[in-house]
Amino acid sequence: DAFSNAVTTCVEVTNAGGELIRNTEHLELVIEPQLSVILFRRKGWSPDEYTHWCNAMLEKEFAFIVPTSFKGETILRLCITNPKTTVEDIELIIESLK
């Protein structure tokens, strides 16, 4: 049951995170969230800006998010694997992308 609950929680947070991104003007979902993965873009950012932001988040020990490539475009890939991750955590990540 614990494993099942953890997976369910991660999927629920992922879907809620996708909805938050969908409703944030400066962000855009690239595809609909799948399982625990959200692919999204920060409108107007260059590949270097993605890398810089991701490195800053890791350096601050705030979040581990990596830039990835989708159809040749650099975007962000957020993967929810910790069932302790909350929707509020996703909100903080979104806030840091302003």
PDB file of N, CA and C in Angstrom:
ATOM      1  N   ASP A   1       0.815  -1.200   0.000  1.00  0.00           N
ATOM      2  CA  ASP A   1       0.000   0.000   0.000  1.00  0.00           C
ATOM      3  C   ASP A   1       0.860   1.267   0.000  1.00  0.00           C
ATOM      4  N   ALA A   2       1.960   1.238   0.738  1.00  0.00           N
ATOM      5  CA  ALA A   2       2.813   2.427   0.826  1.00  0.00           C
ATOM      6  C   ALA A   2       3.356   2.809  -0.547  1.00  0.00           C
ATOM      7  N   PHE A   3       3.795   1.805  -1.324  1.00  0.00           N
ATOM      8  CA  PHE A   3       4.315   2.079  -2.663  1.00  0.00           C
ATOM      9  C   PHE A   3       3.213   2.639  -3.565  1.00  0.00           C
ATOM     10  N   SER A   4       2.066   2.027  -3.526  1.00  0.00           N
ATOM     11  CA  SER A   4       0.935   2.478  -4.326  1.00  0.00           C
ATOM     12  C   SER A   4       0.548   3.913  -3.967  1.00  0.00           C
ATOM     13  N   ASN A   5       0.517   4.215  -2.673  1.00  0.00           N
ATOM     14  CA  ASN A   5       0.180   5.567  -2.230  1.00  0.00           C
ATOM     15  C   ASN A   5       1.233   6.580  -2.672  1.00  0.00           C
ATOM     16  N   ALA A   6       2.495   6.199  -2.631  1.00  0.00           N
ATOM     17  CA  ALA A   6       3.571   7.094  -3.064  1.00  0.00           C
ATOM     18  C   ALA A   6       3.449   7.426  -4.544  1.00  0.00           C
ATOM     19  N   VAL A   7       3.200   6.408  -5.351  1.00  0.00           N
ATOM     20  CA  VAL A   7       3.046   6.624  -6.792  1.00  0.00           C
ATOM     21  C   VAL A   7       1.828   7.504  -7.065  1.00  0.00           C
ATOM     22  N   THR A   8       0.728   7.216  -6.408  1.00  0.00           N
ATOM     23  CA  THR A   8      -0.492   8.017  -6.587  1.00  0.00           C
ATOM     24  C   THR A   8      -0.248   9.471  -6.214  1.00  0.00           C
ATOM     25  N   THR A   9       0.436   9.693  -5.111  1.00  0.00           N
ATOM     26  CA  THR A   9       0.735  11.057  -4.678  1.00  0.00           C
ATOM     27  C   THR A   9       1.588  11.780  -5.711  1.00  0.00           C
ATOM     28  N   CYS A  10       2.625  11.131  -6.213  1.00  0.00           N
ATOM     29  CA  CYS A  10       3.494  11.756  -7.218  1.00  0.00           C
ATOM     30  C   CYS A  10       2.722  12.110  -8.485  1.00  0.00           C
ATOM     31  N   VAL A  11       1.865  11.226  -8.933  1.00  0.00           N
ATOM     32  CA  VAL A  11       1.070  11.493 -10.139  1.00  0.00           C
ATOM     33  C   VAL A  11       0.101  12.653  -9.890  1.00  0.00           C
ATOM     34  N   GLU A  12      -0.515  12.690  -8.719  1.00  0.00           N
ATOM     35  CA  GLU A  12      -1.442  13.781  -8.399  1.00  0.00           C
ATOM     36  C   GLU A  12      -0.726  15.131  -8.342  1.00  0.00           C
ATOM     37  N   VAL A  13       0.448  15.166  -7.725  1.00  0.00           N
ATOM     38  CA  VAL A  13       1.219  16.411  -7.663  1.00  0.00           C
ATOM     39  C   VAL A  13       1.679  16.814  -9.062  1.00  0.00           C
ATOM     40  N   THR A  14       2.085  15.854  -9.865  1.00  0.00           N
ATOM     41  CA  THR A  14       2.485  16.145 -11.245  1.00  0.00           C
ATOM     42  C   THR A  14       1.331  16.769 -12.014  1.00  0.00           C
ATOM     43  N   ASN A  15       0.153  16.191 -11.932  1.00  0.00           N
ATOM     44  CA  ASN A  15      -1.004  16.739 -12.652  1.00  0.00           C
ATOM     45  C   ASN A  15      -1.363  18.136 -12.148  1.00  0.00           C
ATOM     46  N   ALA A  16      -1.293  18.344 -10.841  1.00  0.00           N
ATOM     47  CA  ALA A  16      -1.571  19.674 -10.283  1.00  0.00           C
ATOM     48  C   ALA A  16      -0.508  20.666 -10.745  1.00  0.00           C
ATOM     49  N   GLY A  17       0.742  20.224 -10.795  1.00  0.00           N
ATOM     50  CA  GLY A  17       1.819  21.083 -11.294  1.00  0.00           C
ATOM     51  C   GLY A  17       1.606  21.466 -12.751  1.00  0.00           C
ATOM     52  N   GLY A  18       1.159  20.511 -13.542  1.00  0.00           N
ATOM     53  CA  GLY A  18       0.849  20.809 -14.941  1.00  0.00           C
ATOM     54  C   GLY A  18      -0.234  21.866 -15.052  1.00  0.00           C
ATOM     55  N   GLU A  19      -1.232  21.773 -14.211  1.00  0.00           N
ATOM     56  CA  GLU A  19      -2.315  22.761 -14.219  1.00  0.00           C
ATOM     57  C   GLU A  19      -1.795  24.137 -13.803  1.00  0.00           C
ATOM     58  N   LEU A  20      -0.929  24.176 -12.817  1.00  0.00           N
ATOM     59  CA  LEU A  20      -0.341  25.451 -12.393  1.00  0.00           C
ATOM     60  C   LEU A  20       0.453  26.080 -13.539  1.00  0.00           C
ATOM     61  N   ILE A  21       1.252  25.269 -14.219  1.00  0.00           N
ATOM     62  CA  ILE A  21       2.042  25.768 -15.347  1.00  0.00           C
ATOM     63  C   ILE A  21       1.125  26.247 -16.448  1.00  0.00           C
ATOM     64  N   ARG A  22       0.089  25.495 -16.739  1.00  0.00           N
ATOM     65  CA  ARG A  22      -0.877  25.873 -17.777  1.00  0.00           C
ATOM     66  C   ARG A  22      -1.485  27.251 -17.480  1.00  0.00           C
ATOM     67  N   ASN A  23      -1.651  27.568 -16.206  1.00  0.00           N
ATOM     68  CA  ASN A  23      -2.290  28.824 -15.807  1.00  0.00           C
ATOM     69  C   ASN A  23      -1.302  29.933 -15.460  1.00  0.00           C
ATOM     70  N   THR A  24      -0.043  29.742 -15.802  1.00  0.00           N
ATOM     71  CA  THR A  24       0.982  30.757 -15.547  1.00  0.00           C
ATOM     72  C   THR A  24       1.378  31.382 -16.875  1.00  0.00           C
ATOM     73  N   GLU A  25       1.216  32.685 -16.947  1.00  0.00           N
ATOM     74  CA  GLU A  25       1.384  33.398 -18.219  1.00  0.00           C
ATOM     75  C   GLU A  25       2.760  33.220 -18.853  1.00  0.00           C
ATOM     76  N   HIS A  26       3.823  33.215 -18.066  1.00  0.00           N
ATOM     77  CA  HIS A  26       5.175  33.164 -18.618  1.00  0.00           C
ATOM     78  C   HIS A  26       5.692  31.740 -18.849  1.00  0.00           C
ATOM     79  N   LEU A  27       4.844  30.747 -18.576  1.00  0.00           N
ATOM     80  CA  LEU A  27       5.220  29.349 -18.799  1.00  0.00           C
ATOM     81  C   LEU A  27       4.256  28.698 -19.776  1.00  0.00           C
ATOM     82  N   GLU A  28       4.706  27.598 -20.353  1.00  0.00           N
ATOM     83  CA  GLU A  28       3.856  26.877 -21.304  1.00  0.00           C
ATOM     84  C   GLU A  28       4.176  25.386 -21.246  1.00  0.00           C
ATOM     85  N   LEU A  29       3.146  24.575 -21.086  1.00  0.00           N
ATOM     86  CA  LEU A  29       3.331  23.126 -21.161  1.00  0.00           C
ATOM     87  C   LEU A  29       3.725  22.761 -22.588  1.00  0.00           C
ATOM     88  N   VAL A  30       4.671  21.870 -22.714  1.00  0.00           N
ATOM     89  CA  VAL A  30       5.074  21.393 -24.035  1.00  0.00           C
ATOM     90  C   VAL A  30       4.182  20.223 -24.439  1.00  0.00           C
ATOM     91  N   ILE A  31       3.949  19.323 -23.498  1.00  0.00           N
ATOM     92  CA  ILE A  31       2.994  18.230 -23.669  1.00  0.00           C
ATOM     93  C   ILE A  31       2.270  18.058 -22.333  1.00  0.00           C
ATOM     94  N   GLU A  32       1.187  17.361 -22.349  1.00  0.00           N
ATOM     95  CA  GLU A  32       0.459  17.098 -21.111  1.00  0.00           C
ATOM     96  C   GLU A  32       1.335  16.254 -20.179  1.00  0.00           C
ATOM     97  N   PRO A  33       1.273  16.493 -18.875  1.00  0.00           N
ATOM     98  CA  PRO A  33       2.056  15.688 -17.939  1.00  0.00           C
ATOM     99  C   PRO A  33       1.792  14.195 -18.141  1.00  0.00           C
ATOM    100  N   GLN A  34       2.867  13.425 -18.026  1.00  0.00           N
ATOM    101  CA  GLN A  34       2.756  11.976 -18.173  1.00  0.00           C
ATOM    102  C   GLN A  34       3.407  11.312 -16.972  1.00  0.00           C
ATOM    103  N   LEU A  35       2.612  10.533 -16.247  1.00  0.00           N
ATOM    104  CA  LEU A  35       3.047   9.886 -15.011  1.00  0.00           C
ATOM    105  C   LEU A  35       3.594  10.946 -14.053  1.00  0.00           C
ATOM    106  N   SER A  36       4.917  11.038 -13.897  1.00  0.00           N
ATOM    107  CA  SER A  36       5.460  12.019 -12.959  1.00  0.00           C
ATOM    108  C   SER A  36       6.326  13.069 -13.649  1.00  0.00           C
ATOM    109  N   VAL A  37       6.183  13.218 -14.959  1.00  0.00           N
ATOM    110  CA  VAL A  37       7.043  14.116 -15.735  1.00  0.00           C
ATOM    111  C   VAL A  37       6.244  15.274 -16.333  1.00  0.00           C
ATOM    112  N   ILE A  38       6.809  16.485 -16.155  1.00  0.00           N
ATOM    113  CA  ILE A  38       6.231  17.688 -16.758  1.00  0.00           C
ATOM    114  C   ILE A  38       7.301  18.303 -17.651  1.00  0.00           C
ATOM    115  N   LEU A  39       6.988  18.475 -18.921  1.00  0.00           N
ATOM    116  CA  LEU A  39       7.866  19.183 -19.850  1.00  0.00           C
ATOM    117  C   LEU A  39       7.242  20.543 -20.119  1.00  0.00           C
ATOM    118  N   PHE A  40       8.037  21.603 -19.882  1.00  0.00           N
ATOM    119  CA  PHE A  40       7.492  22.948 -20.067  1.00  0.00           C
ATOM    120  C   PHE A  40       8.584  23.927 -20.466  1.00  0.00           C
ATOM    121  N   ARG A  41       8.161  25.058 -20.988  1.00  0.00           N
ATOM    122  CA  ARG A  41       9.102  26.089 -21.400  1.00  0.00           C
ATOM    123  C   ARG A  41       8.837  27.371 -20.615  1.00  0.00           C
ATOM    124  N   ARG A  42       9.889  28.129 -20.434  1.00  0.00           N
ATOM    125  CA  ARG A  42       9.798  29.487 -19.917  1.00  0.00           C
ATOM    126  C   ARG A  42       9.867  30.371 -21.151  1.00  0.00           C
ATOM    127  N   LYS A  43       8.757  31.016 -21.455  1.00  0.00           N
ATOM    128  CA  LYS A  43       8.681  31.797 -22.687  1.00  0.00           C
ATOM    129  C   LYS A  43       9.818  32.824 -22.754  1.00  0.00           C
ATOM    130  N   GLY A  44      10.472  32.855 -23.897  1.00  0.00           N
ATOM    131  CA  GLY A  44      11.497  33.856 -24.156  1.00  0.00           C
ATOM    132  C   GLY A  44      12.903  33.504 -23.690  1.00  0.00           C
ATOM    133  N   TRP A  45      13.079  32.341 -23.086  1.00  0.00           N
ATOM    134  CA  TRP A  45      14.397  31.983 -22.579  1.00  0.00           C
ATOM    135  C   TRP A  45      15.245  31.288 -23.632  1.00  0.00           C
ATOM    136  N   SER A  46      16.548  31.554 -23.562  1.00  0.00           N
ATOM    137  CA  SER A  46      17.523  30.879 -24.420  1.00  0.00           C
ATOM    138  C   SER A  46      18.011  29.617 -23.703  1.00  0.00           C
ATOM    139  N   PRO A  47      18.676  28.726 -24.420  1.00  0.00           N
ATOM    140  CA  PRO A  47      19.229  27.533 -23.763  1.00  0.00           C
ATOM    141  C   PRO A  47      20.148  27.885 -22.587  1.00  0.00           C
ATOM    142  N   ASP A  48      20.922  28.949 -22.721  1.00  0.00           N
ATOM    143  CA  ASP A  48      21.816  29.349 -21.632  1.00  0.00           C
ATOM    144  C   ASP A  48      21.042  29.785 -20.397  1.00  0.00           C
ATOM    145  N   GLU A  49      19.907  30.442 -20.578  1.00  0.00           N
ATOM    146  CA  GLU A  49      19.099  30.865 -19.439  1.00  0.00           C
ATOM    147  C   GLU A  49      18.527  29.654 -18.683  1.00  0.00           C
ATOM    148  N   TYR A  50      18.117  28.628 -19.414  1.00  0.00           N
ATOM    149  CA  TYR A  50      17.651  27.400 -18.768  1.00  0.00           C
ATOM    150  C   TYR A  50      18.770  26.780 -17.924  1.00  0.00           C
ATOM    151  N   THR A  51      19.951  26.675 -18.525  1.00  0.00           N
ATOM    152  CA  THR A  51      21.088  26.082 -17.827  1.00  0.00           C
ATOM    153  C   THR A  51      21.450  26.890 -16.585  1.00  0.00           C
ATOM    154  N   HIS A  52      21.509  28.198 -16.717  1.00  0.00           N
ATOM    155  CA  HIS A  52      21.850  29.063 -15.587  1.00  0.00           C
ATOM    156  C   HIS A  52      20.838  28.896 -14.451  1.00  0.00           C
ATOM    157  N   TRP A  53      19.539  28.918 -14.773  1.00  0.00           N
ATOM    158  CA  TRP A  53      18.500  28.784 -13.753  1.00  0.00           C
ATOM    159  C   TRP A  53      18.584  27.419 -13.068  1.00  0.00           C
ATOM    160  N   CYS A  54      18.743  26.371 -13.847  1.00  0.00           N
ATOM    161  CA  CYS A  54      18.830  25.020 -13.275  1.00  0.00           C
ATOM    162  C   CYS A  54      20.038  24.901 -12.349  1.00  0.00           C
ATOM    163  N   ASN A  55      21.163  25.432 -12.769  1.00  0.00           N
ATOM    164  CA  ASN A  55      22.359  25.385 -11.933  1.00  0.00           C
ATOM    165  C   ASN A  55      22.158  26.172 -10.643  1.00  0.00           C
ATOM    166  N   ALA A  56      21.500  27.316 -10.735  1.00  0.00           N
ATOM    167  CA  ALA A  56      21.233  28.130  -9.542  1.00  0.00           C
ATOM    168  C   ALA A  56      20.313  27.390  -8.574  1.00  0.00           C
ATOM    169  N   MET A  57      19.309  26.697  -9.078  1.00  0.00           N
ATOM    170  CA  MET A  57      18.393  25.945  -8.220  1.00  0.00           C
ATOM    171  C   MET A  57      19.130  24.821  -7.496  1.00  0.00           C
ATOM    172  N   LEU A  58      20.024  24.153  -8.203  1.00  0.00           N
ATOM    173  CA  LEU A  58      20.797  23.065  -7.609  1.00  0.00           C
ATOM    174  C   LEU A  58      21.787  23.617  -6.585  1.00  0.00           C
ATOM    175  N   GLU A  59      22.446  24.710  -6.930  1.00  0.00           N
ATOM    176  CA  GLU A  59      23.415  25.330  -6.022  1.00  0.00           C
ATOM    177  C   GLU A  59      22.760  25.749  -4.699  1.00  0.00           C
ATOM    178  N   LYS A  60      21.538  26.253  -4.780  1.00  0.00           N
ATOM    179  CA  LYS A  60      20.792  26.669  -3.589  1.00  0.00           C
ATOM    180  C   LYS A  60      20.172  25.477  -2.856  1.00  0.00           C
ATOM    181  N   GLU A  61      20.289  24.284  -3.467  1.00  0.00           N
ATOM    182  CA  GLU A  61      19.635  23.068  -2.963  1.00  0.00           C
ATOM    183  C   GLU A  61      18.131  23.269  -2.838  1.00  0.00           C
ATOM    184  N   PHE A  62      17.597  23.984  -3.800  1.00  0.00           N
ATOM    185  CA  PHE A  62      16.172  24.313  -3.837  1.00  0.00           C
ATOM    186  C   PHE A  62      15.388  23.280  -4.633  1.00  0.00           C
ATOM    187  N   ALA A  63      15.930  22.907  -5.789  1.00  0.00           N
ATOM    188  CA  ALA A  63      15.261  21.936  -6.656  1.00  0.00           C
ATOM    189  C   ALA A  63      16.289  21.351  -7.619  1.00  0.00           C
ATOM    190  N   PHE A  64      16.043  20.125  -8.021  1.00  0.00           N
ATOM    191  CA  PHE A  64      16.882  19.484  -9.029  1.00  0.00           C
ATOM    192  C   PHE A  64      16.037  19.332 -10.280  1.00  0.00           C
ATOM    193  N   ILE A  65      16.207  20.288 -11.159  1.00  0.00           N
ATOM    194  CA  ILE A  65      15.487  20.307 -12.433  1.00  0.00           C
ATOM    195  C   ILE A  65      16.540  20.483 -13.512  1.00  0.00           C
ATOM    196  N   VAL A  66      16.402  19.752 -14.580  1.00  0.00           N
ATOM    197  CA  VAL A  66      17.413  19.823 -15.631  1.00  0.00           C
ATOM    198  C   VAL A  66      16.794  20.312 -16.934  1.00  0.00           C
ATOM    199  N   PRO A  67      17.608  21.063 -17.704  1.00  0.00           N
ATOM    200  CA  PRO A  67      17.134  21.369 -19.047  1.00  0.00           C
ATOM    201  C   PRO A  67      17.188  20.091 -19.870  1.00  0.00           C
ATOM    202  N   THR A  68      16.286  20.001 -20.814  1.00  0.00           N
ATOM    203  CA  THR A  68      16.267  18.851 -21.698  1.00  0.00           C
ATOM    204  C   THR A  68      15.948  19.358 -23.099  1.00  0.00           C
ATOM    205  N   SER A  69      15.930  18.480 -24.032  1.00  0.00           N
ATOM    206  CA  SER A  69      15.627  18.853 -25.410  1.00  0.00           C
ATOM    207  C   SER A  69      14.378  18.104 -25.865  1.00  0.00           C
ATOM    208  N   PHE A  70      13.492  18.835 -26.521  1.00  0.00           N
ATOM    209  CA  PHE A  70      12.282  18.234 -27.078  1.00  0.00           C
ATOM    210  C   PHE A  70      12.106  18.796 -28.477  1.00  0.00           C
ATOM    211  N   LYS A  71      12.201  17.904 -29.462  1.00  0.00           N
ATOM    212  CA  LYS A  71      12.112  18.301 -30.869  1.00  0.00           C
ATOM    213  C   LYS A  71      13.075  19.440 -31.193  1.00  0.00           C
ATOM    214  N   GLY A  72      14.287  19.339 -30.621  1.00  0.00           N
ATOM    215  CA  GLY A  72      15.343  20.301 -30.909  1.00  0.00           C
ATOM    216  C   GLY A  72      15.308  21.579 -30.085  1.00  0.00           C
ATOM    217  N   GLU A  73      14.319  21.739 -29.225  1.00  0.00           N
ATOM    218  CA  GLU A  73      14.193  22.949 -28.414  1.00  0.00           C
ATOM    219  C   GLU A  73      14.605  22.640 -26.973  1.00  0.00           C
ATOM    220  N   THR A  74      15.367  23.532 -26.369  1.00  0.00           N
ATOM    221  CA  THR A  74      15.717  23.384 -24.961  1.00  0.00           C
ATOM    222  C   THR A  74      14.522  23.811 -24.125  1.00  0.00           C
ATOM    223  N   ILE A  75      14.142  22.942 -23.186  1.00  0.00           N
ATOM    224  CA  ILE A  75      13.004  23.191 -22.296  1.00  0.00           C
ATOM    225  C   ILE A  75      13.365  22.656 -20.911  1.00  0.00           C
ATOM    226  N   LEU A  76      12.415  22.725 -19.994  1.00  0.00           N
ATOM    227  CA  LEU A  76      12.614  22.187 -18.654  1.00  0.00           C
ATOM    228  C   LEU A  76      11.869  20.869 -18.484  1.00  0.00           C
ATOM    229  N   ARG A  77      12.488  19.981 -17.717  1.00  0.00           N
ATOM    230  CA  ARG A  77      11.887  18.692 -17.401  1.00  0.00           C
ATOM    231  C   ARG A  77      11.820  18.575 -15.886  1.00  0.00           C
ATOM    232  N   LEU A  78      10.625  18.533 -15.374  1.00  0.00           N
ATOM    233  CA  LEU A  78      10.405  18.373 -13.941  1.00  0.00           C
ATOM    234  C   LEU A  78       9.831  16.986 -13.715  1.00  0.00           C
ATOM    235  N   CYS A  79      10.506  16.210 -12.877  1.00  0.00           N
ATOM    236  CA  CYS A  79      10.064  14.844 -12.596  1.00  0.00           C
ATOM    237  C   CYS A  79       9.813  14.715 -11.098  1.00  0.00           C
ATOM    238  N   ILE A  80       8.595  14.420 -10.737  1.00  0.00           N
ATOM    239  CA  ILE A  80       8.210  14.282  -9.339  1.00  0.00           C
ATOM    240  C   ILE A  80       8.403  12.816  -8.932  1.00  0.00           C
ATOM    241  N   THR A  81       9.438  12.561  -8.138  1.00  0.00           N
ATOM    242  CA  THR A  81       9.716  11.189  -7.716  1.00  0.00           C
ATOM    243  C   THR A  81       9.661  11.022  -6.199  1.00  0.00           C
ATOM    244  N   ASN A  82       9.535  12.118  -5.499  1.00  0.00           N
ATOM    245  CA  ASN A  82       9.479  12.065  -4.045  1.00  0.00           C
ATOM    246  C   ASN A  82       8.045  12.325  -3.599  1.00  0.00           C
ATOM    247  N   PRO A  83       7.407  11.372  -2.944  1.00  0.00           N
ATOM    248  CA  PRO A  83       6.016  11.575  -2.532  1.00  0.00           C
ATOM    249  C   PRO A  83       5.846  12.681  -1.492  1.00  0.00           C
ATOM    250  N   LYS A  84       6.950  13.205  -0.973  1.00  0.00           N
ATOM    251  CA  LYS A  84       6.874  14.338  -0.051  1.00  0.00           C
ATOM    252  C   LYS A  84       6.836  15.679  -0.781  1.00  0.00           C
ATOM    253  N   THR A  85       7.029  15.659  -2.103  1.00  0.00           N
ATOM    254  CA  THR A  85       6.914  16.878  -2.900  1.00  0.00           C
ATOM    255  C   THR A  85       5.457  17.315  -2.893  1.00  0.00           C
ATOM    256  N   THR A  86       5.240  18.608  -2.683  1.00  0.00           N
ATOM    257  CA  THR A  86       3.880  19.129  -2.589  1.00  0.00           C
ATOM    258  C   THR A  86       3.578  20.084  -3.735  1.00  0.00           C
ATOM    259  N   VAL A  87       2.310  20.374  -3.891  1.00  0.00           N
ATOM    260  CA  VAL A  87       1.897  21.371  -4.878  1.00  0.00           C
ATOM    261  C   VAL A  87       2.518  22.719  -4.514  1.00  0.00           C
ATOM    262  N   GLU A  88       2.646  22.996  -3.225  1.00  0.00           N
ATOM    263  CA  GLU A  88       3.274  24.241  -2.786  1.00  0.00           C
ATOM    264  C   GLU A  88       4.736  24.306  -3.238  1.00  0.00           C
ATOM    265  N   ASP A  89       5.423  23.171  -3.265  1.00  0.00           N
ATOM    266  CA  ASP A  89       6.795  23.131  -3.779  1.00  0.00           C
ATOM    267  C   ASP A  89       6.812  23.530  -5.251  1.00  0.00           C
ATOM    268  N   ILE A  90       5.862  23.035  -6.006  1.00  0.00           N
ATOM    269  CA  ILE A  90       5.777  23.381  -7.433  1.00  0.00           C
ATOM    270  C   ILE A  90       5.486  24.882  -7.582  1.00  0.00           C
ATOM    271  N   GLU A  91       4.623  25.418  -6.730  1.00  0.00           N
ATOM    272  CA  GLU A  91       4.345  26.850  -6.773  1.00  0.00           C
ATOM    273  C   GLU A  91       5.612  27.666  -6.542  1.00  0.00           C
ATOM    274  N   LEU A  92       6.453  27.228  -5.614  1.00  0.00           N
ATOM    275  CA  LEU A  92       7.709  27.931  -5.356  1.00  0.00           C
ATOM    276  C   LEU A  92       8.648  27.862  -6.560  1.00  0.00           C
ATOM    277  N   ILE A  93       8.680  26.729  -7.215  1.00  0.00           N
ATOM    278  CA  ILE A  93       9.493  26.592  -8.422  1.00  0.00           C
ATOM    279  C   ILE A  93       8.988  27.552  -9.492  1.00  0.00           C
ATOM    280  N   ILE A  94       7.694  27.593  -9.691  1.00  0.00           N
ATOM    281  CA  ILE A  94       7.101  28.491 -10.686  1.00  0.00           C
ATOM    282  C   ILE A  94       7.425  29.941 -10.350  1.00  0.00           C
ATOM    283  N   GLU A  95       7.331  30.295  -9.086  1.00  0.00           N
ATOM    284  CA  GLU A  95       7.633  31.655  -8.655  1.00  0.00           C
ATOM    285  C   GLU A  95       9.065  32.026  -8.973  1.00  0.00           C
ATOM    286  N   SER A  96       9.982  31.069  -8.849  1.00  0.00           N
ATOM    287  CA  SER A  96      11.396  31.343  -9.127  1.00  0.00           C
ATOM    288  C   SER A  96      11.681  31.556 -10.612  1.00  0.00           C
ATOM    289  N   LEU A  97      10.731  31.241 -11.462  1.00  0.00           N
ATOM    290  CA  LEU A  97      10.922  31.377 -12.909  1.00  0.00           C
ATOM    291  C   LEU A  97      10.444  32.725 -13.465  1.00  0.00           C
ATOM    292  N   LYS A  98      10.089  33.645 -12.599  1.00  0.00           N
ATOM    293  CA  LYS A  98       9.635  34.962 -13.077  1.00  0.00           C
ATOM    294  C   LYS A  98      10.764  35.761 -13.645  1.00  0.00           C
TER     295      LYS A  98
END
